[in-house]
């Protein structure tokens, strides 16, 4: 199971969501044009202008390449934040889970490392759980 620590992000929900989508999401969904913006044999460089259209996250797989590899479950670990962050976090996790199916994608929110480890242990033994944002309190 791949664990990705998300944060720190800005305090405001809109700013945090924007930073997540600009800085974190590209690391989760690799470009199909090579690694990063550096041209490489068989890829690289910027994608064609048609691929830069604004589309919702659930269309990101077709725009940026595949979601996590099959069998490589993904857990995003978010720092605690005010209640207004829950909506964008849940939507991001759910859209990533739909794009990555049958690979599981979940999120955990918490600052207590013991509680986070307990939640990770639960997810390792709960093969049907995906698209959830769990609170590790």
Protein backbone atom coordinates (compact mmCIF):
# COMPACT_ATOMS: atom_id res chain seq x y z
CA UNK A 1 0.00 0.00 0.00
CA UNK A 2 1.45 3.35 -1.07
CA UNK A 3 1.11 6.07 1.56
CA UNK A 4 1.29 9.72 0.49
CA UNK A 5 1.52 12.43 3.14
CA UNK A 6 -0.39 15.48 1.93
CA UNK A 7 0.62 18.75 3.48
CA UNK A 8 1.11 21.09 4.88
CA UNK A 9 -1.53 22.93 2.87
CA UNK A 10 -2.92 26.44 3.30
CA UNK A 11 -5.48 27.06 6.06
CA UNK A 12 -8.27 28.16 3.71
CA UNK A 13 -10.23 25.35 2.07
CA UNK A 14 -10.22 26.90 -1.42
CA UNK A 15 -6.51 27.62 -1.30
CA UNK A 16 -5.74 24.15 0.07
CA UNK A 17 -7.82 22.44 -2.63
CA UNK A 18 -6.10 24.48 -5.33
CA UNK A 19 -2.64 23.63 -4.02
CA UNK A 20 -3.56 19.93 -3.75
CA UNK A 21 -4.71 19.83 -7.36
CA UNK A 22 -1.67 21.73 -8.65
CA UNK A 23 1.14 20.26 -6.53
CA UNK A 24 0.02 16.88 -5.17
CA UNK A 25 -2.29 15.42 -7.82
CA UNK A 26 0.33 15.44 -10.60
CA UNK A 27 2.54 13.19 -8.39
CA UNK A 28 -0.35 10.74 -8.04
CA UNK A 29 -1.31 10.64 -11.72
CA UNK A 30 1.91 10.61 -13.77
CA UNK A 31 1.98 12.31 -17.14
CA UNK A 32 1.73 10.01 -20.12
CA UNK A 33 4.21 12.29 -21.88
CA UNK A 34 7.22 11.15 -19.83
CA UNK A 35 8.46 12.06 -16.37
CA UNK A 36 7.81 15.70 -15.59
CA UNK A 37 8.29 18.39 -18.20
CA UNK A 38 11.74 17.20 -19.34
CA UNK A 39 11.72 15.58 -22.78
CA UNK A 40 12.90 11.98 -22.75
CA UNK A 41 13.16 9.21 -25.30
CA UNK A 42 9.61 8.49 -26.36
CA UNK A 43 7.97 11.29 -24.38
CA UNK A 44 8.36 14.38 -22.28
CA UNK A 45 7.67 17.98 -23.05
CA UNK A 46 4.32 19.66 -22.72
CA UNK A 47 1.18 17.85 -23.79
CA UNK A 48 -0.70 19.09 -26.85
CA UNK A 49 -2.94 22.11 -26.27
CA UNK A 50 -6.06 19.94 -26.65
CA UNK A 51 -4.99 17.95 -23.57
CA UNK A 52 -4.92 21.09 -21.41
CA UNK A 53 -8.67 21.65 -21.34
CA UNK A 54 -10.23 22.16 -17.96
CA UNK A 55 -11.97 18.95 -17.00
CA UNK A 56 -13.08 17.66 -13.62
CA UNK A 57 -10.82 15.37 -11.60
CA UNK A 58 -12.73 12.26 -12.62
CA UNK A 59 -11.52 12.90 -16.17
CA UNK A 60 -7.90 13.31 -15.08
CA UNK A 61 -6.92 9.75 -15.98
CA UNK A 62 -7.72 10.33 -19.63
CA UNK A 63 -5.88 13.65 -19.60
CA UNK A 64 -2.76 12.90 -17.58
CA UNK A 65 -2.18 9.20 -17.84
CA UNK A 66 -3.13 6.26 -15.70
CA UNK A 67 -3.96 6.34 -12.00
CA UNK A 68 -1.87 4.26 -9.57
CA UNK A 69 -0.79 0.86 -10.91
CA UNK A 70 -3.18 -2.03 -10.36
CA UNK A 71 -2.48 -3.71 -7.05
CA UNK A 72 -0.79 -0.62 -5.63
CA UNK A 73 -3.45 0.64 -3.22
CA UNK A 74 -3.08 4.31 -2.34
CA UNK A 75 -3.75 6.07 0.95
CA UNK A 76 -3.58 9.85 1.18
CA UNK A 77 -2.78 11.06 4.70
CA UNK A 78 -4.02 14.59 5.36
CA UNK A 79 -3.14 16.83 8.30
CA UNK A 80 -6.07 17.90 10.50
CA UNK A 81 -7.94 20.92 9.14
CA UNK A 82 -11.20 22.81 9.77
CA UNK A 83 -14.52 21.21 8.79
CA UNK A 84 -14.71 23.05 5.46
CA UNK A 85 -11.81 20.98 4.04
CA UNK A 86 -13.73 17.70 4.28
CA UNK A 87 -15.78 18.27 1.12
CA UNK A 88 -12.91 18.83 -1.32
CA UNK A 89 -10.84 16.07 0.28
CA UNK A 90 -13.65 13.53 0.04
CA UNK A 91 -14.39 14.49 -3.58
CA UNK A 92 -10.72 14.13 -4.53
CA UNK A 93 -10.42 10.71 -2.86
CA UNK A 94 -13.67 9.47 -4.43
CA UNK A 95 -12.72 10.65 -7.92
CA UNK A 96 -9.25 9.09 -7.65
CA UNK A 97 -10.83 5.83 -6.45
CA UNK A 98 -13.21 5.74 -9.42
CA UNK A 99 -10.36 6.44 -11.85
CA UNK A 100 -8.07 3.84 -10.24
CA UNK A 101 -10.56 0.97 -9.88
CA UNK A 102 -9.98 -1.84 -9.09
CA UNK A 103 -7.05 -0.33 -7.19
CA UNK A 104 -8.24 1.06 -3.87
CA UNK A 105 -7.77 4.73 -2.96
CA UNK A 106 -8.62 6.06 0.50
CA UNK A 107 -7.80 9.06 2.64
CA UNK A 108 -7.00 9.41 6.33
CA UNK A 109 -7.21 12.67 8.28
CA UNK A 110 -5.30 12.94 11.53
CA UNK A 111 -2.27 14.09 13.43
CA UNK A 112 -1.87 11.22 15.89
CA UNK A 113 0.64 8.76 14.38
CA UNK A 114 -0.65 5.84 16.46
CA UNK A 115 -4.21 6.43 15.26
CA UNK A 116 -3.00 6.75 11.67
CA UNK A 117 -1.07 3.46 11.94
CA UNK A 118 -4.20 1.79 13.38
CA UNK A 119 -6.27 3.07 10.45
CA UNK A 120 -3.63 1.87 7.95
CA UNK A 121 -3.69 -1.58 9.57
CA UNK A 122 -7.48 -1.61 9.24
CA UNK A 123 -7.29 -0.68 5.55
CA UNK A 124 -4.73 -3.44 4.86
CA UNK A 125 -7.30 -5.99 6.04
CA UNK A 126 -10.43 -4.40 4.52
CA UNK A 127 -10.19 -5.16 0.80
CA UNK A 128 -13.66 -3.77 0.02
CA UNK A 129 -13.01 -0.28 1.38
CA UNK A 130 -12.26 2.37 -1.25
CA UNK A 131 -13.15 5.98 -1.88
CA UNK A 132 -13.40 6.79 1.82
CA UNK A 133 -12.05 9.67 3.89
CA UNK A 134 -11.48 8.28 7.37
CA UNK A 135 -10.83 10.25 10.54
CA UNK A 136 -7.97 8.92 12.65
CA UNK A 137 -8.89 10.45 15.99
